[in-house]
Amino acid sequence: MDSSKFLRLILLLCLVSSSFSSTTPSRSNSTAANQTLRPQEELQKLKLIRKELQKINKPAVKTIQSPDGDIMDCVLSHQQPAFDHPLLQGQRPMDPAEIPKGYDEENETYEDSQLWSLSGESCPEGTIPIRRTTEQDMLRASSVQRFGRKIRRVRRDSTSNGHEHAVGYVTGKQYYGAKASINVWSPRVTSQYEFSLSQIWVIAGSFTHDLNTIEAGWQISPELYGDTYPRFFTYWTSDAYRSTGCYNLLCSGFVQTNRRIAIGAAISPRSSYRGGQFDISLLIWKDPKHGHWWLQFGSGTLVGYWPAFLFTHLRQHGSMVQFGGEIVNTRPGGSHTTTQMGSGHFSGEGFGKASYFRNLQVVDWDNTLLPVSNIKILADHPNCYDIRGGTNRVWGNYFYYGGPGKNPRCP
């Protein structure tokens, strides 16, 4: 509902309640007052939403309409949300960091694209594309305060909030980054309040209260985006998802430096069952010179960085790296969700049918990319979503993962 219709509805409700109170006894007057309370609360919520939108949506020097309905605002790079942070005000984005040693650009087999750029339009030099946030986006959120944030979880493998995983992870060393190529699909997500994602996590701290994470991958989230397109996303937190961090550029945090990639934009093309397979390559690493955590998307395309001061433990290094899929299961009707992970098919079906992560690597203290070693795999609901790993000369360390959710073995 647009704001003019909403305000007319408020006025109508107030007139109805005024007429009602003038013709009823005093006992009913309190009832009428209560009936007008909810519209007043809604009006306050709308005012709060507009205030938040003014913080998130920055002035645009150019606007691009995407085929999927998104609006991309080309914002001056030094006016992006990150520079609202007190420690960044008045500054400009850093120069690119040194790429880790051992990076092989020839191994990137697919140069991915995003739907918004297919028209040939792009943002001018000195600007970055930011997906415009709308009133509808914020109204879908559980609350204005939690918009753009993940639900807090207690442990990596916890399902207490309905989060289910199929992941590979390494731990026990100091990690300064990670890299993988991730197969992109369009899994079915059956509820607005569920999501399906595939991502890399760089993790430090404890899972109870001071967890630091840096995250990037693709996700389908009807609540966040209002559709079921797979979208490139980032996330960060420094306090176990309590009050810090957010998706994409929805708060002061990640500093974007690229004018051709839009964080939160739909990815195209996607893989199909027994058809073409497409993946995105993601590299996260800690700049040895300044300590910021940089993100690369695709073949040599630097997206931007998470400033080191956002974190506590990750100011030094990560203690765990995790790769894989995650879904939310709200148990509709009391049974397991049919929301899919990956391709929606189990790992045993293999290439062209199951989703994969390939060429899994980590960055060491010397800013060198190395194949992961001693990787462990975990599927906390293997009858719903599973995982199967392997190694070969072309894909290095890899795994297939995913599943359909509800099925005869997953009631």
Protein backbone atom coordinates (compact mmCIF):
# COMPACT_ATOMS: atom_id res chain seq x y z
CA MET A 1 0.00 0.00 0.00
CA ASP A 2 1.41 3.42 -0.96
CA SER A 3 1.67 6.13 1.68
CA SER A 4 -1.21 8.26 0.32
CA LYS A 5 -3.64 5.31 0.52
CA PHE A 6 -2.34 4.45 3.95
CA LEU A 7 -2.93 8.00 5.26
CA ARG A 8 -6.44 8.06 3.76
CA LEU A 9 -7.16 4.79 5.59
CA ILE A 10 -5.95 6.34 8.87
CA LEU A 11 -8.25 9.33 8.34
CA LEU A 12 -11.23 7.10 7.56
CA LEU A 13 -10.67 4.99 10.68
CA CYS A 14 -10.44 8.12 12.83
CA LEU A 15 -13.73 9.48 11.36
CA VAL A 16 -15.48 6.15 11.94
CA SER A 17 -14.30 5.98 15.56
CA SER A 18 -15.30 9.63 16.16
CA SER A 19 -18.80 8.96 14.84
CA PHE A 20 -19.01 5.78 16.91
CA SER A 21 -17.99 7.52 20.15
CA SER A 22 -20.56 10.33 19.75
CA THR A 23 -23.52 7.90 19.66
CA THR A 24 -22.49 5.33 22.31
CA PRO A 25 -22.32 5.31 26.13
CA SER A 26 -19.11 6.18 27.99
CA ARG A 27 -18.17 2.50 28.35
CA SER A 28 -17.90 2.26 24.57
CA ASN A 29 -15.76 5.39 24.37
CA SER A 30 -12.79 3.45 25.74
CA THR A 31 -13.41 0.74 23.15
CA ALA A 32 -13.37 3.32 20.38
CA ALA A 33 -10.14 4.77 21.72
CA ASN A 34 -8.57 1.30 21.66
CA GLN A 35 -9.77 0.82 18.09
CA THR A 36 -7.86 3.93 16.99
CA LEU A 37 -4.70 2.92 18.84
CA ARG A 38 -3.52 0.39 16.24
CA PRO A 39 -3.71 2.82 13.28
CA GLN A 40 -1.76 5.33 15.36
CA GLU A 41 0.89 2.67 16.00
CA GLU A 42 1.00 1.89 12.29
CA LEU A 43 1.49 5.57 11.52
CA GLN A 44 4.37 5.71 14.00
CA LYS A 45 5.88 2.64 12.36
CA LEU A 46 5.61 4.29 8.94
CA LYS A 47 7.36 7.40 10.26
CA LEU A 48 10.14 5.22 11.72
CA ILE A 49 10.50 3.36 8.41
CA ARG A 50 10.84 6.62 6.48
CA LYS A 51 13.49 7.81 8.92
CA GLU A 52 15.45 4.58 8.42
CA LEU A 53 15.08 4.80 4.65
CA GLN A 54 16.62 8.28 4.72
CA LYS A 55 19.68 6.78 6.42
CA ILE A 56 19.96 3.77 4.10
CA ASN A 57 19.11 5.32 0.71
CA LYS A 58 21.69 7.92 -0.26
CA PRO A 59 21.34 10.65 -2.94
CA ALA A 60 21.83 9.20 -6.42
CA VAL A 61 23.62 10.82 -9.34
CA LYS A 62 22.04 8.23 -11.66
CA THR A 63 19.29 5.61 -11.32
CA ILE A 64 19.10 2.29 -13.20
CA GLN A 65 15.96 0.16 -13.48
CA SER A 66 16.69 -3.59 -13.33
CA PRO A 67 14.60 -6.14 -15.29
CA ASP A 68 13.69 -7.88 -12.00
CA GLY A 69 12.12 -4.71 -10.58
CA ASP A 70 15.09 -3.53 -8.52
CA ILE A 71 16.16 0.10 -8.63
CA MET A 72 19.91 0.69 -8.51
CA ASP A 73 21.08 4.06 -7.24
CA CYS A 74 24.54 5.23 -8.36
CA VAL A 75 25.84 6.88 -5.17
CA LEU A 76 29.09 8.81 -4.77
CA SER A 77 31.50 6.32 -3.21
CA HIS A 78 32.32 8.54 -0.22
CA GLN A 79 28.59 9.00 0.53
CA GLN A 80 27.77 5.29 0.87
CA PRO A 81 26.36 4.08 4.25
CA ALA A 82 29.76 2.93 5.54
CA PHE A 83 30.94 6.53 5.77
CA ASP A 84 28.22 7.36 8.30
CA HIS A 85 30.40 5.47 10.80
CA PRO A 86 32.20 7.89 13.17
CA LEU A 87 35.57 6.28 12.40
CA LEU A 88 35.08 6.70 8.63
CA GLN A 89 33.45 10.11 8.38
CA GLY A 90 35.35 12.44 6.05
CA GLN A 91 37.41 9.59 4.57
CA ARG A 92 37.38 7.93 1.16
CA PRO A 93 37.69 4.25 0.17
CA MET A 94 41.12 2.61 0.49
CA ASP A 95 43.26 1.66 -2.49
CA PRO A 96 43.06 -2.05 -3.47
CA ALA A 97 44.94 -4.55 -1.33
CA GLU A 98 47.61 -6.95 -2.55
CA ILE A 99 46.04 -10.15 -3.93
CA PRO A 100 47.16 -13.31 -2.07
CA LYS A 101 50.05 -15.23 -3.57
CA GLY A 102 48.99 -18.36 -5.44
CA TYR A 103 45.83 -16.80 -6.90
CA ASP A 104 45.17 -18.39 -10.32
CA GLU A 105 42.85 -16.23 -12.43
CA GLU A 106 42.90 -18.80 -15.24
CA ASN A 107 41.07 -21.23 -12.95
CA GLU A 108 38.00 -18.97 -13.02
CA THR A 109 35.92 -20.69 -15.70
CA TYR A 110 32.81 -18.49 -15.65
CA GLU A 111 32.54 -14.71 -15.68
CA ASP A 112 29.29 -14.10 -13.89
CA SER A 113 26.88 -11.22 -14.37
CA GLN A 114 23.97 -9.58 -12.58
CA LEU A 115 20.50 -8.92 -13.94
CA TRP A 116 20.62 -5.17 -13.39
CA SER A 117 23.64 -4.76 -15.69
CA LEU A 118 22.26 -6.75 -18.64
CA SER A 119 20.78 -3.58 -20.14
CA GLY A 120 24.29 -2.25 -20.68
CA GLU A 121 23.77 0.57 -18.18
CA SER A 122 26.47 1.16 -15.56
CA CYS A 123 27.28 3.60 -12.82
CA PRO A 124 29.68 6.49 -13.56
CA GLU A 125 33.25 6.64 -12.28
CA GLY A 126 33.42 7.69 -8.64
CA THR A 127 30.07 6.08 -7.77
CA ILE A 128 28.87 2.64 -6.65
CA PRO A 129 25.54 0.87 -7.36
CA ILE A 130 23.32 0.40 -4.30
CA ARG A 131 20.03 -1.52 -4.45
CA ARG A 132 17.34 0.90 -3.29
CA THR A 133 15.50 -0.18 -0.14
CA THR A 134 11.72 0.41 -0.21
CA GLU A 135 8.96 0.77 2.37
CA GLN A 136 7.71 -2.65 1.28
CA ASP A 137 11.13 -4.17 2.04
CA MET A 138 11.02 -2.85 5.59
CA LEU A 139 7.36 -3.73 6.17
CA ARG A 140 8.19 -7.38 5.44
CA ALA A 141 10.76 -7.44 8.27
CA SER A 142 9.87 -8.81 11.70
CA SER A 143 10.68 -5.35 13.07
CA VAL A 144 12.20 -2.12 11.80
CA GLN A 145 15.05 -2.54 14.29
CA ARG A 146 15.93 -6.03 12.99
CA PHE A 147 15.66 -5.15 9.29
CA GLY A 148 18.69 -6.40 7.36
CA ARG A 149 19.94 -8.57 10.22
CA LYS A 150 20.11 -12.30 10.80
CA ILE A 151 18.33 -14.00 13.66
CA ARG A 152 20.73 -14.61 16.51
CA ARG A 153 21.94 -18.20 16.81
CA VAL A 154 23.72 -19.80 19.73
CA ARG A 155 26.03 -22.24 17.93
CA ARG A 156 27.31 -22.93 14.44
CA ASP A 157 25.45 -26.26 14.32
CA SER A 158 22.45 -25.13 16.35
CA THR A 159 18.93 -25.73 15.05
CA SER A 160 17.19 -24.01 17.97
CA ASN A 161 15.96 -21.26 15.64
CA GLY A 162 15.21 -23.65 12.80
CA HIS A 163 18.57 -23.11 11.08
CA GLU A 164 19.87 -26.26 9.34
CA HIS A 165 23.26 -26.72 7.67
CA ALA A 166 25.31 -28.87 5.33
CA VAL A 167 28.86 -27.54 5.58
CA GLY A 168 32.55 -28.26 5.29
CA TYR A 169 34.83 -26.53 7.77
CA VAL A 170 38.43 -26.26 8.95
CA THR A 171 39.59 -25.22 12.38
CA GLY A 172 42.64 -25.38 14.64
CA LYS A 173 44.86 -22.89 12.79
CA GLN A 174 45.05 -19.16 12.12
CA TYR A 175 43.14 -18.20 8.98
CA TYR A 176 43.60 -14.97 7.05
CA GLY A 177 41.05 -15.63 4.33
CA ALA A 178 39.25 -18.21 2.21
CA LYS A 179 38.33 -18.88 -1.40
CA ALA A 180 35.87 -21.15 -3.24
CA SER A 181 33.77 -21.40 -6.38
CA ILE A 182 30.08 -21.84 -5.52
CA ASN A 183 27.47 -23.37 -7.84
CA VAL A 184 24.47 -21.00 -8.25
CA TRP A 185 20.90 -22.37 -8.30
CA SER A 186 17.34 -21.21 -7.65
CA PRO A 187 16.17 -23.51 -4.84
CA ARG A 188 12.53 -23.36 -3.80
CA VAL A 189 11.86 -21.31 -0.65
CA THR A 190 8.31 -21.99 0.53
CA SER A 191 7.79 -19.31 3.17
CA GLN A 192 8.47 -15.57 3.37
CA TYR A 193 10.14 -16.21 6.72
CA GLU A 194 12.56 -18.86 5.44
CA PHE A 195 15.71 -18.53 3.34
CA SER A 196 18.18 -20.72 1.49
CA LEU A 197 21.82 -19.68 1.13
CA SER A 198 25.24 -20.92 0.12
CA GLN A 199 28.24 -19.04 1.47
CA ILE A 200 31.72 -18.77 2.96
CA TRP A 201 32.12 -17.87 6.66
CA VAL A 202 35.36 -16.59 8.22
CA ILE A 203 34.85 -16.97 11.97
CA ALA A 204 36.55 -16.02 15.26
CA GLY A 205 35.44 -15.79 18.89
CA SER A 206 32.91 -17.90 20.79
CA PHE A 207 29.48 -18.86 19.50
CA THR A 208 27.73 -17.56 22.61
CA HIS A 209 28.36 -13.82 22.88
CA ASP A 210 31.43 -12.43 21.06
CA LEU A 211 31.31 -14.25 17.72
CA ASN A 212 32.95 -12.38 14.83
CA THR A 213 31.99 -13.42 11.30
CA ILE A 214 32.61 -12.26 7.75
CA GLU A 215 30.24 -13.87 5.26
CA ALA A 216 29.64 -13.81 1.51
CA GLY A 217 27.76 -15.96 -0.98
CA TRP A 218 24.36 -16.19 -2.67
CA GLN A 219 20.96 -16.39 -1.02
CA ILE A 220 17.24 -16.51 -1.69
CA SER A 221 15.36 -14.52 0.95
CA PRO A 222 11.75 -13.46 0.21
CA GLU A 223 11.61 -11.48 3.45
CA LEU A 224 14.70 -9.40 2.65
CA TYR A 225 14.22 -8.93 -1.10
CA GLY A 226 10.55 -9.66 -1.83
CA ASP A 227 11.27 -12.32 -4.48
CA THR A 228 12.95 -15.69 -5.04
CA TYR A 229 15.96 -14.71 -7.15
CA PRO A 230 19.40 -15.94 -6.00
CA ARG A 231 21.29 -12.81 -4.96
CA PHE A 232 24.91 -12.00 -4.16
CA PHE A 233 25.16 -10.98 -0.50
CA THR A 234 27.56 -10.09 2.30
CA TYR A 235 27.16 -10.12 6.08
CA TRP A 236 29.18 -9.34 9.21
CA THR A 237 28.79 -9.35 12.98
CA SER A 238 31.13 -8.78 15.92
CA ASP A 239 28.79 -9.85 18.75
CA ALA A 240 27.13 -13.12 17.69
CA TYR A 241 24.39 -11.42 15.63
CA ARG A 242 23.08 -9.46 18.63
CA SER A 243 23.31 -5.77 17.74
CA THR A 244 26.20 -5.33 15.29
CA GLY A 245 26.39 -6.06 11.60
CA CYS A 246 23.97 -6.42 8.71
CA TYR A 247 23.42 -7.71 5.21
CA ASN A 248 25.00 -5.93 2.28
CA LEU A 249 25.12 -2.12 2.67
CA LEU A 250 22.15 -1.84 5.05
CA CYS A 251 24.25 -0.34 7.85
CA SER A 252 27.62 1.35 8.36
CA GLY A 253 30.16 -1.41 7.81
CA PHE A 254 31.26 -2.82 4.46
CA VAL A 255 32.99 -0.28 2.19
CA GLN A 256 32.25 -0.89 -1.50
CA THR A 257 34.86 0.16 -4.07
CA ASN A 258 33.46 -1.30 -7.31
CA ARG A 259 30.99 0.43 -9.64
CA ARG A 260 30.00 -2.66 -11.66
CA ILE A 261 28.91 -5.08 -8.91
CA ALA A 262 25.80 -4.46 -6.80
CA ILE A 263 25.64 -6.28 -3.47
CA GLY A 264 22.14 -7.69 -3.03
CA ALA A 265 21.50 -7.87 -6.79
CA ALA A 266 20.21 -10.96 -8.59
CA ILE A 267 22.77 -13.29 -10.19
CA SER A 268 22.33 -14.46 -13.78
CA PRO A 269 22.55 -17.05 -15.27
CA ARG A 270 21.79 -19.88 -12.85
CA SER A 271 22.41 -23.62 -13.04
CA SER A 272 19.74 -26.04 -14.22
CA TYR A 273 19.16 -29.74 -13.48
CA ARG A 274 20.97 -31.85 -16.13
CA GLY A 275 21.72 -28.56 -17.92
CA GLY A 276 24.26 -25.74 -17.81
CA GLN A 277 26.25 -25.30 -14.61
CA PHE A 278 27.32 -21.86 -13.41
CA ASP A 279 29.32 -20.85 -10.37
CA ILE A 280 30.66 -17.71 -8.74
CA SER A 281 34.16 -17.43 -7.35
CA LEU A 282 34.55 -15.65 -4.00
CA LEU A 283 37.79 -14.69 -2.27
CA ILE A 284 37.97 -13.11 1.19
CA TRP A 285 41.36 -12.13 2.61
CA LYS A 286 43.01 -9.91 5.21
CA ASP A 287 45.19 -7.12 3.82
CA PRO A 288 48.62 -7.60 5.47
CA LYS A 289 49.34 -3.86 5.28
CA HIS A 290 46.21 -2.28 6.80
CA GLY A 291 44.41 -5.27 8.32
CA HIS A 292 41.10 -4.78 6.48
CA TRP A 293 39.23 -7.80 5.09
CA TRP A 294 38.77 -7.59 1.30
CA LEU A 295 36.23 -9.33 -0.93
CA GLN A 296 36.66 -10.37 -4.56
CA PHE A 297 33.74 -11.57 -6.71
CA GLY A 298 34.26 -13.40 -9.99
CA SER A 299 37.47 -13.12 -11.97
CA GLY A 300 39.63 -10.40 -10.42
CA THR A 301 36.77 -8.06 -9.50
CA LEU A 302 37.40 -6.37 -6.14
CA VAL A 303 34.10 -5.49 -4.47
CA GLY A 304 35.35 -3.72 -1.33
CA TYR A 305 36.34 -4.38 2.27
CA TRP A 306 35.25 -4.74 5.88
CA PRO A 307 37.32 -2.26 7.97
CA ALA A 308 39.34 -3.98 10.71
CA PHE A 309 37.90 -1.76 13.45
CA LEU A 310 34.46 -3.37 13.01
CA PHE A 311 35.77 -6.48 14.76
CA THR A 312 37.41 -7.69 17.96
CA HIS A 313 38.82 -11.18 17.30
CA LEU A 314 38.98 -10.73 13.53
CA ARG A 315 41.28 -7.76 13.94
CA GLN A 316 43.94 -10.48 14.24
CA HIS A 317 42.77 -13.54 12.27
CA GLY A 318 40.07 -16.17 11.93
CA SER A 319 39.98 -19.39 13.95
CA MET A 320 37.57 -21.26 11.65
CA VAL A 321 36.54 -21.19 8.00
CA GLN A 322 33.25 -22.71 6.93
CA PHE A 323 31.81 -23.39 3.45
CA GLY A 324 28.32 -24.63 2.65
CA GLY A 325 24.57 -24.26 2.75
CA GLU A 326 22.05 -23.10 5.31
CA ILE A 327 18.24 -22.93 5.36
CA VAL A 328 15.60 -21.83 7.84
CA ASN A 329 12.90 -24.39 8.72
CA THR A 330 9.77 -22.83 10.26
CA ARG A 331 8.02 -26.26 10.32
CA PRO A 332 4.87 -25.16 8.50
CA GLY A 333 1.89 -27.28 9.53
CA GLY A 334 4.06 -29.04 12.11
CA SER A 335 6.21 -30.88 9.56
CA HIS A 336 9.62 -30.16 8.02
CA THR A 337 9.72 -27.41 5.39
CA THR A 338 10.02 -28.19 1.69
CA THR A 339 12.45 -25.29 1.29
CA GLN A 340 15.38 -26.62 -0.72
CA MET A 341 19.13 -26.25 -0.17
CA GLY A 342 21.52 -25.95 -3.11
CA SER A 343 19.88 -27.50 -6.17
CA GLY A 344 17.21 -29.21 -4.09
CA HIS A 345 18.83 -32.59 -4.74
CA PHE A 346 21.01 -34.77 -2.49
CA SER A 347 24.79 -34.81 -2.86
CA GLY A 348 24.88 -38.36 -4.21
CA GLU A 349 23.38 -37.26 -7.54
CA GLY A 350 26.66 -35.54 -8.44
CA PHE A 351 27.56 -33.08 -11.18
CA GLY A 352 24.75 -31.40 -13.11
CA LYS A 353 22.21 -32.40 -10.49
CA ALA A 354 23.61 -31.60 -7.03
CA SER A 355 25.07 -28.26 -6.00
CA TYR A 356 28.79 -27.98 -5.27
CA PHE A 357 31.64 -25.97 -3.77
CA ARG A 358 34.98 -26.48 -5.55
CA ASN A 359 38.64 -25.43 -5.21
CA LEU A 360 38.36 -24.81 -1.47
CA GLN A 361 41.34 -22.79 -0.23
CA VAL A 362 42.44 -20.75 2.78
CA VAL A 363 44.87 -17.83 3.15
CA ASP A 364 47.76 -18.26 5.60
CA TRP A 365 49.77 -15.74 7.66
CA ASP A 366 52.04 -15.01 4.67
CA ASN A 367 49.10 -13.96 2.45
CA THR A 368 49.36 -17.19 0.46
CA LEU A 369 46.43 -19.24 -0.84
CA LEU A 370 46.68 -22.93 0.11
CA PRO A 371 44.36 -25.90 -0.43
CA VAL A 372 42.32 -26.69 2.68
CA SER A 373 43.60 -29.63 4.74
CA ASN A 374 41.77 -31.83 7.24
CA ILE A 375 38.37 -30.50 6.21
CA LYS A 376 35.45 -31.88 8.21
CA ILE A 377 31.91 -32.15 6.89
CA LEU A 378 28.67 -31.80 8.84
CA ALA A 379 25.01 -32.19 7.92
CA ASP A 380 22.89 -31.69 11.02
CA HIS A 381 19.77 -33.15 9.29
CA PRO A 382 21.25 -35.57 6.72
CA ASN A 383 17.86 -37.04 5.78
CA CYS A 384 16.78 -33.56 4.69
CA TYR A 385 20.06 -32.08 3.39
CA ASP A 386 23.39 -33.91 3.11
CA ILE A 387 27.00 -33.41 2.03
CA ARG A 388 29.70 -35.55 0.37
CA GLY A 389 33.33 -34.46 -0.13
CA GLY A 390 36.15 -35.39 -2.49
CA THR A 391 39.39 -34.30 -4.16
CA ASN A 392 40.62 -34.30 -7.76
CA ARG A 393 43.25 -32.55 -9.87
CA VAL A 394 40.89 -30.04 -11.49
CA TRP A 395 38.55 -29.16 -8.61
CA GLY A 396 41.05 -29.66 -5.78
CA ASN A 397 39.07 -30.05 -2.55
CA TYR A 398 35.34 -29.99 -3.25
CA PHE A 399 31.99 -31.24 -1.99
CA TYR A 400 28.44 -31.73 -3.20
CA TYR A 401 25.67 -30.76 -0.79
CA GLY A 402 21.97 -29.94 -0.45
CA GLY A 403 18.60 -31.61 -0.56
CA PRO A 404 14.83 -31.22 -0.91
CA GLY A 405 13.85 -30.77 2.71
CA LYS A 406 10.66 -32.66 3.52
CA ASN A 407 10.58 -36.18 2.04
CA PRO A 408 9.66 -39.66 3.32
CA ARG A 409 12.91 -39.82 5.35
CA CYS A 410 12.53 -36.22 6.55
CA PRO A 411 8.92 -35.89 7.79
